[in-house]
Protein backbone atom coordinates (compact mmCIF):
# COMPACT_ATOMS: atom_id res chain seq x y z
CA MET A 1 0.10 0.02 0.06
CA SER A 2 3.08 2.38 -0.44
CA ARG A 3 2.18 3.10 -4.08
CA PRO A 4 1.39 6.77 -4.78
CA GLU A 5 -2.30 6.34 -5.87
CA HIS A 6 -2.80 4.94 -2.31
CA LEU A 7 -0.91 7.59 -0.37
CA ALA A 8 -0.45 11.41 -0.75
CA PRO A 9 2.05 11.80 -3.85
CA PRO A 10 5.53 12.99 -2.50
CA GLU A 11 7.77 15.49 -4.07
CA ILE A 12 4.95 17.00 -6.15
CA VAL A 13 6.65 20.40 -6.58
CA GLU A 14 9.95 18.91 -7.64
CA MET A 15 8.25 16.53 -10.07
CA SER A 16 6.22 19.36 -11.39
CA GLU A 17 9.44 21.37 -12.12
CA ARG A 18 10.94 18.46 -14.07
CA ALA A 19 7.75 17.96 -16.00
CA ILE A 20 7.65 21.65 -17.03
CA GLU A 21 11.34 21.56 -17.88
CA LEU A 22 10.73 18.67 -20.18
CA LEU A 23 8.01 20.58 -22.05
CA LEU A 24 10.48 22.91 -23.48
CA LEU A 25 8.26 26.10 -23.24
CA PRO A 26 9.59 29.13 -24.68
CA ASP A 27 11.46 31.40 -22.18
CA ASP A 28 10.17 34.77 -23.76
CA SER A 29 6.59 34.37 -23.56
CA PRO A 30 3.76 33.12 -21.27
CA CYS A 31 2.05 29.68 -22.44
CA LEU A 32 -1.31 28.18 -21.63
CA VAL A 33 -0.71 24.70 -20.11
CA LEU A 34 -3.25 22.10 -19.17
CA ASP A 35 -2.68 20.40 -15.88
CA VAL A 36 -4.38 16.83 -15.91
CA GLY A 37 -5.16 15.67 -12.39
CA CYS A 38 -4.24 19.02 -10.92
CA GLY A 39 -5.38 18.13 -7.28
CA SER A 40 -5.08 20.90 -4.98
CA GLY A 41 -3.12 23.16 -7.66
CA LEU A 42 0.57 22.61 -6.47
CA SER A 43 1.69 22.06 -10.02
CA GLY A 44 -0.27 24.93 -11.20
CA SER A 45 1.57 27.28 -8.74
CA VAL A 46 4.80 26.18 -10.15
CA LEU A 47 3.53 27.13 -13.64
CA GLU A 48 2.36 30.41 -12.14
CA ASP A 49 5.95 31.06 -10.66
CA GLN A 50 7.40 30.57 -14.19
CA GLY A 51 5.20 33.11 -15.76
CA HIS A 52 2.55 30.71 -17.46
CA PHE A 53 -1.22 30.42 -17.47
CA TRP A 54 -3.04 27.16 -16.75
CA VAL A 55 -6.26 25.25 -16.58
CA GLY A 56 -6.45 22.30 -14.32
CA MET A 57 -8.85 19.33 -14.22
CA ASP A 58 -9.48 16.75 -11.70
CA ILE A 59 -11.92 14.08 -10.61
CA SER A 60 -11.91 15.11 -7.00
CA THR A 61 -14.20 17.86 -5.73
CA ALA A 62 -12.35 17.91 -2.33
CA MET A 63 -8.90 18.60 -4.01
CA LEU A 64 -10.45 21.21 -6.30
CA ASP A 65 -11.96 22.88 -3.03
CA ILE A 66 -8.58 23.04 -1.60
CA ALA A 67 -7.13 24.69 -4.85
CA VAL A 68 -9.96 27.38 -4.58
CA GLU A 69 -9.08 27.89 -0.86
CA ARG A 70 -5.41 28.35 -2.02
CA GLU A 71 -6.53 31.09 -4.35
CA VAL A 72 -4.72 29.45 -7.46
CA GLU A 73 -4.58 31.45 -10.58
CA GLY A 74 -5.64 28.75 -13.03
CA ASP A 75 -9.22 27.90 -14.03
CA LEU A 76 -10.42 24.58 -12.50
CA MET A 77 -12.73 21.94 -13.90
CA LEU A 78 -14.30 18.96 -12.21
CA SER A 79 -13.61 16.20 -14.88
CA ASP A 80 -12.73 12.51 -15.20
CA MET A 81 -9.62 12.29 -17.51
CA GLY A 82 -10.76 8.76 -18.59
CA GLN A 83 -13.72 10.38 -20.22
CA GLY A 84 -11.43 12.83 -22.24
CA CYS A 85 -10.31 16.33 -22.37
CA PRO A 86 -13.37 18.55 -23.08
CA PHE A 87 -11.47 21.48 -24.71
CA ARG A 88 -11.47 22.93 -28.21
CA ALA A 89 -8.90 21.85 -30.86
CA GLY A 90 -5.21 23.37 -30.47
CA ALA A 91 -6.13 25.33 -27.28
CA PHE A 92 -2.97 24.44 -25.27
CA ASP A 93 0.62 25.19 -25.68
CA GLY A 94 1.40 21.97 -23.55
CA ALA A 95 -0.01 19.64 -20.86
CA ILE A 96 1.46 18.20 -17.56
CA SER A 97 0.22 15.54 -15.26
CA ILE A 98 1.66 14.38 -11.94
CA SER A 99 0.90 10.97 -10.52
CA ALA A 100 -2.44 10.57 -12.23
CA LEU A 101 -1.93 8.59 -15.44
CA GLN A 102 -1.64 5.23 -13.71
CA TRP A 103 -5.24 5.41 -12.47
CA LEU A 104 -6.53 4.98 -15.91
CA CYS A 105 -5.07 1.39 -15.91
CA ASN A 106 -7.45 0.55 -12.93
CA ALA A 107 -11.10 -0.57 -13.47
CA ASP A 108 -12.54 0.99 -10.49
CA LYS A 109 -16.12 0.52 -11.85
CA THR A 110 -17.62 -2.35 -14.05
CA SER A 111 -18.05 0.17 -16.97
CA HIS A 112 -14.29 1.23 -16.77
CA LYS A 113 -12.30 -0.53 -19.71
CA PRO A 114 -8.53 0.66 -19.13
CA VAL A 115 -7.72 0.28 -23.03
CA GLN A 116 -10.74 2.38 -23.94
CA ARG A 117 -10.25 5.00 -21.26
CA LEU A 118 -6.55 5.51 -22.04
CA TYR A 119 -7.11 5.88 -25.72
CA LYS A 120 -10.05 8.38 -25.08
CA PHE A 121 -7.79 10.33 -22.87
CA PHE A 122 -4.78 10.49 -25.24
CA SER A 123 -6.73 11.03 -28.51
CA THR A 124 -8.60 14.16 -26.78
CA LEU A 125 -5.46 15.46 -25.25
CA TYR A 126 -3.73 15.20 -28.68
CA ALA A 127 -6.72 17.13 -30.22
CA CYS A 128 -6.60 20.04 -27.56
CA LEU A 129 -2.77 20.41 -27.96
CA SER A 130 -1.17 22.65 -30.64
CA ARG A 131 0.83 21.11 -33.28
CA SER A 132 4.06 22.13 -31.83
CA ALA A 133 3.15 21.25 -28.17
CA ARG A 134 4.39 18.52 -25.93
CA ALA A 135 2.71 16.58 -23.05
CA VAL A 136 4.73 15.59 -20.12
CA LEU A 137 2.96 13.02 -17.83
CA GLN A 138 4.82 11.61 -14.62
CA PHE A 139 3.45 8.31 -13.61
CA TYR A 140 4.11 5.10 -11.60
CA PRO A 141 3.82 2.02 -13.72
CA GLU A 142 3.23 -1.00 -12.07
CA ASN A 143 4.88 -3.32 -14.38
CA SER A 144 6.41 -3.59 -17.78
CA ASP A 145 2.92 -4.54 -19.30
CA GLN A 146 1.24 -1.51 -17.98
CA MET A 147 3.98 0.66 -19.19
CA GLU A 148 3.59 -1.02 -22.85
CA LEU A 149 -0.17 -0.44 -22.55
CA ILE A 150 0.16 3.18 -21.75
CA THR A 151 2.72 3.98 -24.50
CA THR A 152 0.78 2.06 -27.06
CA GLN A 153 -2.53 3.86 -26.65
CA SER A 154 -0.62 7.12 -26.64
CA MET A 155 1.08 6.32 -30.01
CA LYS A 156 -2.34 5.04 -31.46
CA ALA A 157 -3.69 8.55 -30.57
CA GLY A 158 -1.13 10.16 -32.86
CA PHE A 159 1.66 11.04 -30.39
CA TYR A 160 5.36 10.55 -30.73
CA GLY A 161 7.76 10.20 -28.01
CA GLY A 162 8.50 7.71 -25.21
CA VAL A 163 9.30 7.23 -21.45
CA VAL A 164 12.23 9.20 -19.88
CA VAL A 165 13.44 7.51 -16.59
CA ASP A 166 15.30 9.75 -14.20
CA TYR A 167 17.67 8.14 -11.76
CA PRO A 168 16.98 4.64 -13.24
CA ASN A 169 19.47 2.97 -10.72
CA SER A 170 17.79 4.42 -7.65
CA THR A 171 14.97 2.87 -5.98
CA LYS A 172 13.82 6.04 -4.13
CA ALA A 173 14.61 8.68 -6.65
CA LYS A 174 13.57 6.81 -9.83
CA LYS A 175 10.76 8.71 -11.77
CA PHE A 176 8.98 7.94 -15.00
CA PHE A 177 8.07 10.71 -17.30
CA LEU A 178 5.99 9.96 -20.49
CA VAL A 179 7.21 12.64 -22.91
CA LEU A 180 4.71 13.13 -25.88
CA MET A 181 5.08 15.03 -29.03
CA THR A 182 2.49 16.36 -31.51
CA GLY A 183 4.75 17.95 -34.11
CA GLY A 184 6.82 14.77 -35.13
CA ASN A 185 9.34 12.37 -33.68
CA VAL A 186 12.50 14.01 -32.19
CA PRO A 187 15.08 12.58 -29.77
CA LEU A 188 13.84 12.19 -26.20
CA PRO A 189 15.24 14.50 -23.58
CA ARG A 190 18.36 13.15 -21.60
CA ALA A 191 17.42 11.50 -18.32
CA LEU A 192 18.82 12.68 -15.11
CA GLY A 193 21.09 10.46 -13.07
CA THR A 194 22.33 8.36 -16.05
CA ASP A 195 26.03 9.17 -15.43
CA GLU A 196 28.54 10.66 -13.06
CA ASP A 197 27.77 14.21 -14.18
CA SER A 198 24.09 14.32 -13.84
CA HIS A 199 22.81 15.72 -10.66
CA GLY A 200 19.35 16.53 -9.49
CA VAL A 201 19.98 20.28 -9.20
CA THR A 202 20.92 20.79 -12.92
CA TYR A 203 17.56 21.67 -14.17
CA THR A 204 16.71 23.57 -10.90
CA ALA A 205 19.84 25.84 -11.15
CA LYS A 206 18.93 26.53 -14.91
CA ARG A 207 15.34 27.54 -13.85
CA GLU A 208 16.70 29.77 -11.10
CA ARG A 209 19.02 31.65 -13.49
CA MET A 210 16.08 32.13 -15.98
CA LYS A 211 13.88 33.54 -13.28
CA GLN A 212 16.57 36.01 -12.23
CA GLN A 213 16.98 37.19 -15.69
CA ARG A 214 13.35 37.75 -16.18
CA GLY A 215 13.19 39.72 -12.90
CA LYS A 216 11.19 37.19 -10.97
CA SER A 217 10.37 38.06 -7.47
CA LEU A 218 11.21 35.94 -4.48
CA LYS A 219 8.20 33.63 -3.84
CA LYS A 220 5.82 34.80 -1.09
CA GLY A 221 7.75 38.10 -0.76
CA ARG A 222 5.81 41.50 -1.19
CA ASN A 223 6.71 41.96 -4.79
CA TRP A 224 5.70 38.37 -5.65
CA ILE A 225 2.36 38.91 -3.89
CA LEU A 226 1.73 42.13 -5.70
CA GLU A 227 2.45 40.46 -9.07
CA LYS A 228 0.19 37.68 -8.41
CA LYS A 229 -2.71 39.93 -7.39
CA GLU A 230 -2.09 42.12 -10.40
CA ARG A 231 -2.43 39.00 -12.59
CA ARG A 232 -5.61 37.96 -10.99
CA ARG A 233 -7.07 41.42 -11.46
CA LYS A 234 -6.32 41.19 -15.20
CA GLN A 235 -8.26 37.94 -15.20
CA GLY A 236 -11.24 39.72 -13.85
CA LYS A 237 -10.99 37.98 -10.49
CA GLU A 238 -11.81 39.57 -7.00
CA VAL A 239 -8.63 40.62 -5.30
CA ARG A 240 -8.27 42.38 -1.80
CA PRO A 241 -6.99 45.88 -1.97
CA ASP A 242 -3.20 46.54 -1.71
CA SER A 243 -2.10 48.03 1.69
CA LYS A 244 1.06 48.58 3.82
CA TYR A 245 0.49 45.07 5.29
CA THR A 246 0.56 43.29 2.01
CA GLY A 247 3.27 40.63 2.12
CA ARG A 248 4.19 41.45 5.64
CA LYS A 249 5.29 38.49 7.73
CA ARG A 250 2.82 37.68 10.29
CA SER A 251 3.87 37.02 13.95
CA GLY A 252 4.14 33.26 14.76
CA ARG A 253 4.57 32.33 10.95
CA PHE A 254 7.89 31.10 9.47
């Protein structure tokens, strides 16, 4: 009972950062990204921090309620990924998913047929992505047969790509990322931890340099909060007025 679908997924932010890196989004313009199985919006918050917009879909009302309480910037939708992605063609510049894909391999109801649900998901995901977009889905395959089932259905839906396995020789750090491309077959990204020169901080350090170059504010600081509130105003959302107390550290909080 230690598998992530039975317990709270660990290291969500770290895996989200890695998935976003594998998307290869442009550095000079914000993109619209679909977060499949968005949960409480932690992955969406990482997208926000990198200057992108996002739409999240999840089957859990409780998790979406938490995302609303956290005041995430993304638009949220209650939806079962096994029934497809209900968006217009070419709507998104990319898609990510953290620890959700393996759920489609389970038959939780008598009406659930994993092969059909996987193909429905991948075919509609392919349709709602632009023709230069990528989808990066972190998942936990139960065995090689399950991995083959997932990759086969994604390729039948029109995608190119494959599985990138970070830290393949580590039991604890090993992570599987299904990297899918709509615009043709190109070499897969290099996995982390495959040689002595690969370190887990490589993509993190690169991302921090990019943030500094774009003048990003420190997360949770006053400037970061003001920027987030301004983005929400532009989206037409209700935001509390700015004051001298905005971003001030509260007593007893660390």
